N, C-alpha and C. Protein backbone atom coordinates (compact mmCIF):
# COMPACT_ATOMS: atom_id res chain seq x y z
N MET A 1 -42.16 -44.33 20.08
CA MET A 1 -40.76 -44.34 19.77
C MET A 1 -39.98 -43.45 20.74
N ASN A 2 -40.51 -42.22 20.98
CA ASN A 2 -39.84 -41.30 21.90
C ASN A 2 -39.79 -41.89 23.32
N ARG A 3 -40.84 -42.61 23.64
CA ARG A 3 -40.90 -43.20 24.97
C ARG A 3 -39.78 -44.24 25.13
N ARG A 4 -39.50 -45.02 24.12
CA ARG A 4 -38.43 -46.02 24.16
C ARG A 4 -37.07 -45.34 24.28
N ILE A 5 -36.88 -44.26 23.55
CA ILE A 5 -35.61 -43.53 23.60
C ILE A 5 -35.41 -42.96 25.01
N PHE A 6 -36.46 -42.35 25.58
CA PHE A 6 -36.35 -41.81 26.94
C PHE A 6 -36.09 -42.92 27.97
N SER A 7 -36.73 -44.06 27.80
CA SER A 7 -36.51 -45.18 28.71
C SER A 7 -35.07 -45.68 28.60
N PHE A 8 -34.59 -45.79 27.36
CA PHE A 8 -33.21 -46.24 27.14
C PHE A 8 -32.21 -45.24 27.73
N CYS A 9 -32.44 -43.93 27.51
CA CYS A 9 -31.55 -42.89 28.07
C CYS A 9 -31.59 -42.91 29.59
N GLY A 10 -32.78 -43.11 30.16
CA GLY A 10 -32.90 -43.18 31.61
C GLY A 10 -32.14 -44.38 32.17
N LEU A 11 -32.26 -45.51 31.49
CA LEU A 11 -31.54 -46.71 31.90
C LEU A 11 -30.04 -46.50 31.80
N LEU A 12 -29.60 -45.88 30.71
CA LEU A 12 -28.18 -45.60 30.50
C LEU A 12 -27.65 -44.65 31.58
N LEU A 13 -28.40 -43.59 31.89
CA LEU A 13 -27.99 -42.66 32.94
C LEU A 13 -27.94 -43.35 34.30
N GLY A 14 -28.89 -44.22 34.57
CA GLY A 14 -28.89 -44.96 35.83
C GLY A 14 -27.67 -45.85 35.96
N LEU A 15 -27.32 -46.54 34.87
CA LEU A 15 -26.12 -47.39 34.89
C LEU A 15 -24.85 -46.57 35.07
N LEU A 16 -24.77 -45.41 34.41
CA LEU A 16 -23.60 -44.54 34.58
C LEU A 16 -23.49 -44.04 36.02
N PHE A 17 -24.61 -43.65 36.60
CA PHE A 17 -24.61 -43.19 37.99
C PHE A 17 -24.17 -44.31 38.93
N LEU A 18 -24.70 -45.51 38.70
CA LEU A 18 -24.35 -46.65 39.53
C LEU A 18 -22.86 -46.98 39.41
N ALA A 19 -22.34 -46.96 38.20
CA ALA A 19 -20.92 -47.26 37.99
C ALA A 19 -20.02 -46.21 38.63
N SER A 20 -20.42 -44.95 38.57
CA SER A 20 -19.57 -43.89 39.13
C SER A 20 -19.63 -43.86 40.65
N SER A 21 -20.69 -44.39 41.23
CA SER A 21 -20.81 -44.35 42.69
C SER A 21 -20.23 -45.59 43.36
N CYS A 22 -19.76 -46.56 42.57
CA CYS A 22 -19.17 -47.77 43.15
C CYS A 22 -17.91 -47.41 43.92
N LYS A 23 -17.66 -48.16 44.99
CA LYS A 23 -16.48 -47.93 45.82
C LYS A 23 -15.22 -48.15 44.97
N LYS A 24 -14.32 -47.21 45.05
CA LYS A 24 -13.06 -47.33 44.32
C LYS A 24 -12.22 -48.41 44.98
N ASP A 25 -11.38 -49.06 44.18
CA ASP A 25 -10.49 -50.08 44.72
C ASP A 25 -9.50 -49.44 45.68
N THR A 26 -9.41 -50.00 46.87
CA THR A 26 -8.43 -49.50 47.83
C THR A 26 -7.14 -50.27 47.62
N PRO A 27 -6.02 -49.57 47.64
CA PRO A 27 -4.76 -50.27 47.41
C PRO A 27 -4.46 -51.24 48.55
N LEU A 28 -3.86 -52.36 48.21
CA LEU A 28 -3.49 -53.34 49.21
C LEU A 28 -2.33 -52.81 50.04
N PRO A 29 -2.25 -53.20 51.30
CA PRO A 29 -1.11 -52.76 52.10
C PRO A 29 0.18 -53.37 51.54
N PRO A 30 1.30 -52.68 51.73
CA PRO A 30 2.56 -53.22 51.20
C PRO A 30 2.90 -54.54 51.88
N GLN A 31 3.58 -55.41 51.14
CA GLN A 31 3.96 -56.72 51.67
C GLN A 31 5.39 -57.03 51.28
N LEU A 32 6.02 -57.87 52.09
CA LEU A 32 7.34 -58.40 51.78
C LEU A 32 7.21 -59.90 51.58
N SER A 33 7.88 -60.42 50.60
CA SER A 33 7.83 -61.86 50.39
C SER A 33 9.02 -62.52 51.08
N GLU A 34 8.83 -63.79 51.38
CA GLU A 34 9.89 -64.54 52.04
C GLU A 34 11.13 -64.55 51.15
N GLY A 35 12.27 -64.34 51.71
CA GLY A 35 13.52 -64.34 50.96
C GLY A 35 13.89 -62.99 50.37
N GLU A 36 12.99 -62.03 50.43
CA GLU A 36 13.25 -60.71 49.84
C GLU A 36 14.35 -59.95 50.59
N LEU A 37 14.51 -60.23 51.87
CA LEU A 37 15.52 -59.53 52.67
C LEU A 37 16.84 -60.30 52.76
N ARG A 38 16.83 -61.57 52.38
CA ARG A 38 18.02 -62.41 52.50
C ARG A 38 19.24 -61.76 51.84
N GLN A 39 20.35 -61.74 52.57
CA GLN A 39 21.64 -61.23 52.10
C GLN A 39 21.55 -59.78 51.61
N THR A 40 20.83 -58.96 52.38
CA THR A 40 20.78 -57.52 52.11
C THR A 40 21.21 -56.77 53.36
N VAL A 41 21.66 -55.54 53.17
CA VAL A 41 22.11 -54.70 54.28
C VAL A 41 21.31 -53.40 54.25
N TRP A 42 20.82 -52.99 55.42
CA TRP A 42 19.98 -51.81 55.55
C TRP A 42 20.48 -50.98 56.72
N ASN A 43 20.36 -49.66 56.62
CA ASN A 43 20.57 -48.83 57.80
C ASN A 43 19.52 -47.74 57.83
N GLY A 44 19.35 -47.14 59.00
CA GLY A 44 18.30 -46.13 59.12
C GLY A 44 18.13 -45.69 60.55
N THR A 45 16.88 -45.41 60.92
CA THR A 45 16.59 -44.88 62.25
C THR A 45 15.43 -45.63 62.90
N LEU A 46 15.51 -45.71 64.21
CA LEU A 46 14.43 -46.21 65.04
C LEU A 46 14.02 -45.03 65.90
N GLU A 47 12.81 -44.52 65.68
CA GLU A 47 12.35 -43.33 66.39
C GLU A 47 11.10 -43.66 67.19
N TYR A 48 11.14 -43.29 68.45
CA TYR A 48 9.97 -43.45 69.32
C TYR A 48 9.19 -42.15 69.33
N LYS A 49 7.87 -42.27 69.40
CA LYS A 49 7.01 -41.08 69.44
C LYS A 49 7.23 -40.30 70.74
N SER A 50 7.48 -41.03 71.81
CA SER A 50 7.72 -40.41 73.11
C SER A 50 9.15 -39.85 73.16
N ALA A 51 9.28 -38.60 73.55
CA ALA A 51 10.60 -37.96 73.63
C ALA A 51 11.49 -38.64 74.67
N LYS A 52 10.89 -39.29 75.66
CA LYS A 52 11.66 -39.97 76.70
C LYS A 52 12.48 -41.13 76.13
N ARG A 53 11.97 -41.75 75.08
CA ARG A 53 12.63 -42.95 74.52
C ARG A 53 13.71 -42.59 73.52
N GLY A 54 13.62 -41.43 72.89
CA GLY A 54 14.67 -40.99 71.96
C GLY A 54 14.65 -41.68 70.62
N SER A 55 15.76 -41.55 69.90
CA SER A 55 15.90 -42.20 68.60
C SER A 55 17.27 -42.85 68.51
N TYR A 56 17.35 -43.85 67.64
CA TYR A 56 18.57 -44.63 67.49
C TYR A 56 18.90 -44.78 66.02
N SER A 57 20.17 -44.85 65.72
CA SER A 57 20.61 -45.23 64.38
C SER A 57 20.73 -46.75 64.39
N VAL A 58 20.27 -47.38 63.32
CA VAL A 58 20.27 -48.84 63.27
C VAL A 58 20.93 -49.34 61.99
N TYR A 59 21.46 -50.54 62.08
CA TYR A 59 22.11 -51.23 60.97
C TYR A 59 21.63 -52.66 61.02
N LEU A 60 21.06 -53.16 59.94
CA LEU A 60 20.58 -54.54 59.88
C LEU A 60 21.22 -55.26 58.71
N ASN A 61 21.84 -56.39 59.00
CA ASN A 61 22.47 -57.22 57.98
C ASN A 61 21.73 -58.56 57.98
N PHE A 62 20.88 -58.77 56.99
CA PHE A 62 20.08 -59.99 56.90
C PHE A 62 20.95 -61.09 56.32
N LEU A 63 21.36 -62.02 57.18
CA LEU A 63 22.30 -63.06 56.80
C LEU A 63 21.64 -64.21 56.05
N SER A 64 20.40 -64.50 56.40
CA SER A 64 19.70 -65.63 55.78
C SER A 64 18.20 -65.33 55.80
N ASP A 65 17.40 -66.37 55.56
CA ASP A 65 15.94 -66.20 55.61
C ASP A 65 15.41 -66.10 57.03
N SER A 66 16.28 -66.34 58.03
CA SER A 66 15.79 -66.33 59.41
C SER A 66 16.72 -65.63 60.40
N GLU A 67 17.88 -65.17 59.97
CA GLU A 67 18.84 -64.58 60.89
C GLU A 67 19.29 -63.21 60.42
N VAL A 68 19.33 -62.25 61.36
CA VAL A 68 19.73 -60.89 61.05
C VAL A 68 20.67 -60.39 62.14
N GLU A 69 21.69 -59.67 61.74
CA GLU A 69 22.62 -59.04 62.67
C GLU A 69 22.19 -57.59 62.83
N VAL A 70 21.99 -57.15 64.08
CA VAL A 70 21.46 -55.81 64.35
C VAL A 70 22.45 -55.03 65.20
N SER A 71 22.71 -53.79 64.79
CA SER A 71 23.48 -52.85 65.60
C SER A 71 22.64 -51.59 65.73
N ALA A 72 22.61 -51.03 66.92
CA ALA A 72 21.86 -49.79 67.15
C ALA A 72 22.61 -48.94 68.16
N TYR A 73 22.61 -47.64 67.93
CA TYR A 73 23.24 -46.74 68.89
C TYR A 73 22.45 -45.45 68.97
N ASP A 74 22.63 -44.74 70.05
CA ASP A 74 21.93 -43.48 70.30
C ASP A 74 22.27 -42.48 69.22
N SER A 75 21.26 -41.91 68.57
CA SER A 75 21.49 -40.96 67.48
C SER A 75 22.15 -39.67 67.94
N LYS A 76 22.02 -39.34 69.22
CA LYS A 76 22.60 -38.09 69.71
C LYS A 76 24.11 -38.14 69.76
N ASP A 77 24.68 -39.31 70.03
CA ASP A 77 26.14 -39.44 70.11
C ASP A 77 26.58 -40.74 69.45
N PRO A 78 26.84 -40.71 68.13
CA PRO A 78 27.21 -41.94 67.42
C PRO A 78 28.57 -42.50 67.84
N THR A 79 29.36 -41.75 68.64
CA THR A 79 30.64 -42.28 69.09
C THR A 79 30.49 -43.17 70.32
N ASP A 80 29.31 -43.11 70.97
CA ASP A 80 29.06 -44.00 72.10
C ASP A 80 29.09 -45.45 71.63
N PRO A 81 29.46 -46.36 72.52
CA PRO A 81 29.44 -47.78 72.14
C PRO A 81 28.00 -48.20 71.78
N TYR A 82 27.91 -49.25 71.00
CA TYR A 82 26.60 -49.74 70.59
C TYR A 82 25.79 -50.17 71.81
N TYR A 83 24.52 -49.81 71.81
CA TYR A 83 23.61 -50.31 72.83
C TYR A 83 23.24 -51.75 72.50
N VAL A 84 23.10 -52.02 71.23
CA VAL A 84 22.74 -53.36 70.76
C VAL A 84 23.73 -53.74 69.68
N GLN A 85 24.24 -54.89 69.78
CA GLN A 85 24.99 -55.48 68.69
C GLN A 85 24.80 -56.98 68.87
N ALA A 86 23.76 -57.50 68.23
CA ALA A 86 23.37 -58.87 68.48
C ALA A 86 22.78 -59.49 67.23
N ARG A 87 22.73 -60.80 67.26
CA ARG A 87 22.05 -61.53 66.20
C ARG A 87 20.64 -61.88 66.67
N TYR A 88 19.73 -61.76 65.76
CA TYR A 88 18.33 -62.07 66.04
C TYR A 88 17.87 -63.14 65.06
N TYR A 89 16.85 -63.87 65.48
CA TYR A 89 16.06 -64.64 64.54
C TYR A 89 14.92 -63.73 64.13
N TYR A 90 14.52 -63.80 62.89
CA TYR A 90 13.39 -62.97 62.47
C TYR A 90 12.42 -63.79 61.66
N THR A 91 11.18 -63.35 61.68
CA THR A 91 10.15 -63.93 60.83
C THR A 91 9.49 -62.81 60.04
N LEU A 92 9.02 -63.16 58.89
CA LEU A 92 8.39 -62.21 57.99
C LEU A 92 7.14 -62.87 57.42
N THR A 93 5.99 -62.29 57.73
CA THR A 93 4.72 -62.82 57.23
C THR A 93 3.96 -61.68 56.60
N ASP A 94 3.91 -61.65 55.28
CA ASP A 94 3.24 -60.60 54.51
C ASP A 94 3.79 -59.22 54.89
N ARG A 95 3.17 -58.56 55.85
CA ARG A 95 3.65 -57.23 56.24
C ARG A 95 4.06 -57.16 57.70
N ILE A 96 4.14 -58.31 58.37
CA ILE A 96 4.51 -58.36 59.78
C ILE A 96 5.94 -58.89 59.93
N PHE A 97 6.76 -58.12 60.63
CA PHE A 97 8.18 -58.42 60.84
C PHE A 97 8.40 -58.54 62.35
N THR A 98 8.91 -59.68 62.80
CA THR A 98 9.19 -59.86 64.23
C THR A 98 10.63 -60.30 64.42
N LEU A 99 11.20 -59.90 65.54
CA LEU A 99 12.57 -60.24 65.91
C LEU A 99 12.56 -61.01 67.22
N LYS A 100 13.45 -61.98 67.34
CA LYS A 100 13.63 -62.70 68.60
C LYS A 100 15.12 -62.82 68.82
N THR A 101 15.57 -62.33 69.98
CA THR A 101 16.99 -62.34 70.26
C THR A 101 17.51 -63.77 70.47
N GLN A 102 18.77 -63.98 70.13
CA GLN A 102 19.40 -65.28 70.32
C GLN A 102 20.10 -65.36 71.68
N VAL A 103 20.11 -64.27 72.42
CA VAL A 103 20.76 -64.24 73.73
C VAL A 103 19.72 -63.97 74.80
N ASP A 104 20.11 -64.15 76.04
CA ASP A 104 19.16 -64.05 77.15
C ASP A 104 19.39 -62.80 78.00
N TYR A 105 19.37 -61.63 77.40
CA TYR A 105 19.48 -60.41 78.20
C TYR A 105 18.60 -59.33 77.61
N GLU A 106 18.34 -58.31 78.42
CA GLU A 106 17.47 -57.20 78.01
C GLU A 106 18.19 -56.35 76.97
N LEU A 107 17.54 -56.08 75.88
CA LEU A 107 18.13 -55.28 74.82
C LEU A 107 17.65 -53.84 74.91
N ASN A 108 18.51 -52.92 74.55
CA ASN A 108 18.17 -51.50 74.57
C ASN A 108 18.67 -50.89 73.26
N PRO A 109 17.82 -50.48 72.38
CA PRO A 109 16.36 -50.42 72.45
C PRO A 109 15.73 -51.81 72.29
N PRO A 110 14.58 -52.03 72.89
CA PRO A 110 13.96 -53.36 72.88
C PRO A 110 13.24 -53.67 71.57
N MET A 111 13.98 -53.81 70.50
CA MET A 111 13.38 -54.04 69.18
C MET A 111 12.67 -55.39 69.10
N ASP A 112 13.08 -56.33 69.93
CA ASP A 112 12.48 -57.66 69.90
C ASP A 112 11.18 -57.75 70.68
N LYS A 113 10.77 -56.69 71.33
CA LYS A 113 9.53 -56.69 72.12
C LYS A 113 8.33 -56.26 71.28
N ASN A 114 8.55 -55.96 70.02
CA ASN A 114 7.49 -55.40 69.18
C ASN A 114 7.19 -56.28 67.98
N THR A 115 5.97 -56.14 67.49
CA THR A 115 5.60 -56.65 66.18
C THR A 115 5.63 -55.44 65.26
N TRP A 116 6.41 -55.53 64.21
CA TRP A 116 6.60 -54.40 63.30
C TRP A 116 5.73 -54.60 62.06
N TYR A 117 4.92 -53.60 61.74
CA TYR A 117 4.03 -53.66 60.58
C TYR A 117 4.62 -52.80 59.46
N LEU A 118 4.74 -53.39 58.29
CA LEU A 118 5.24 -52.66 57.12
C LEU A 118 4.18 -51.66 56.68
N ILE A 119 4.52 -50.37 56.69
CA ILE A 119 3.54 -49.35 56.29
C ILE A 119 3.93 -48.67 54.99
N ARG A 120 5.18 -48.85 54.56
CA ARG A 120 5.61 -48.24 53.30
C ARG A 120 6.74 -49.08 52.71
N LYS A 121 6.67 -49.30 51.41
CA LYS A 121 7.70 -50.10 50.74
C LYS A 121 8.02 -49.48 49.39
N GLU A 122 9.29 -49.23 49.19
CA GLU A 122 9.82 -48.78 47.91
C GLU A 122 11.04 -49.65 47.62
N PRO A 123 11.60 -49.61 46.40
CA PRO A 123 12.72 -50.50 46.10
C PRO A 123 13.89 -50.42 47.10
N SER A 124 14.20 -49.24 47.60
CA SER A 124 15.32 -49.09 48.53
C SER A 124 14.90 -48.49 49.87
N LEU A 125 13.62 -48.59 50.20
CA LEU A 125 13.13 -48.01 51.45
C LEU A 125 12.05 -48.90 52.05
N LEU A 126 12.18 -49.16 53.35
CA LEU A 126 11.16 -49.88 54.11
C LEU A 126 10.84 -49.07 55.35
N VAL A 127 9.56 -48.91 55.66
CA VAL A 127 9.15 -48.22 56.87
C VAL A 127 8.21 -49.14 57.64
N PHE A 128 8.58 -49.43 58.89
CA PHE A 128 7.79 -50.28 59.77
C PHE A 128 7.29 -49.45 60.94
N GLN A 129 6.15 -49.85 61.50
CA GLN A 129 5.62 -49.17 62.68
C GLN A 129 5.21 -50.22 63.71
N ALA A 130 5.47 -49.90 64.98
CA ALA A 130 5.08 -50.78 66.08
C ALA A 130 4.28 -49.99 67.10
N ASN A 131 3.38 -50.66 67.77
CA ASN A 131 2.58 -50.07 68.85
C ASN A 131 1.81 -48.83 68.42
N ALA A 132 1.25 -48.84 67.23
CA ALA A 132 0.50 -47.69 66.73
C ALA A 132 -0.64 -47.36 67.68
N GLY A 133 -0.78 -46.08 67.98
CA GLY A 133 -1.84 -45.62 68.86
C GLY A 133 -1.48 -45.60 70.34
N ASN A 134 -0.31 -46.12 70.69
CA ASN A 134 0.16 -46.10 72.08
C ASN A 134 1.30 -45.10 72.18
N PRO A 135 1.03 -43.85 72.55
CA PRO A 135 2.06 -42.80 72.52
C PRO A 135 3.30 -43.12 73.34
N ALA A 136 3.16 -43.90 74.39
CA ALA A 136 4.32 -44.21 75.23
C ALA A 136 5.26 -45.21 74.57
N ALA A 137 4.75 -46.03 73.65
CA ALA A 137 5.57 -47.08 73.06
C ALA A 137 5.63 -47.06 71.53
N GLU A 138 4.87 -46.18 70.89
CA GLU A 138 4.82 -46.15 69.42
C GLU A 138 6.21 -45.86 68.85
N ALA A 139 6.59 -46.63 67.83
CA ALA A 139 7.91 -46.48 67.23
C ALA A 139 7.83 -46.66 65.72
N THR A 140 8.73 -45.98 65.03
CA THR A 140 8.85 -46.11 63.57
C THR A 140 10.27 -46.52 63.24
N LEU A 141 10.40 -47.56 62.43
CA LEU A 141 11.70 -48.06 61.98
C LEU A 141 11.79 -47.78 60.49
N THR A 142 12.69 -46.86 60.11
CA THR A 142 12.87 -46.48 58.71
C THR A 142 14.21 -47.02 58.23
N LEU A 143 14.18 -47.84 57.19
CA LEU A 143 15.40 -48.49 56.70
C LEU A 143 15.64 -48.16 55.24
N ARG A 144 16.91 -47.90 54.92
CA ARG A 144 17.33 -47.66 53.53
C ARG A 144 18.32 -48.74 53.13
N LYS A 145 18.10 -49.30 51.96
CA LYS A 145 18.93 -50.41 51.48
C LYS A 145 20.32 -49.90 51.09
N LYS A 146 21.34 -50.61 51.56
CA LYS A 146 22.73 -50.25 51.25
C LYS A 146 23.38 -51.29 50.35
N LEU A 147 22.96 -52.53 50.46
CA LEU A 147 23.56 -53.60 49.67
C LEU A 147 22.55 -54.69 49.42
């Protein structure tokens, strides 16, 4: 009888150890669904890791499921004229956000040259990162919802 109890306790302890050592669920990366940005207005900052590239204040007005109006200016002097004030086409796939300009000229800052990965999502906050691991081009786009 004692042998059965010890065997049962050993089995129970083994199962408890196995259950406690299982890999914990890792949270899924944040995602945006199609249409979630439609007819919303966001502003924030575009910051480059490299000091040479600087930082910009940005304003994004998502007009539809595929079109966004973007304004950006140098954060050091907001009275300077906009460096960018253009309409873009955009795509959104899970956590990847891409922009494509509707005009044929070089944009400064070149927001359309990057694939932006959503790294943080809250009801009124979105944080995207581009070129992670490349110090010369790494950038963070932090947006706060206004409308």
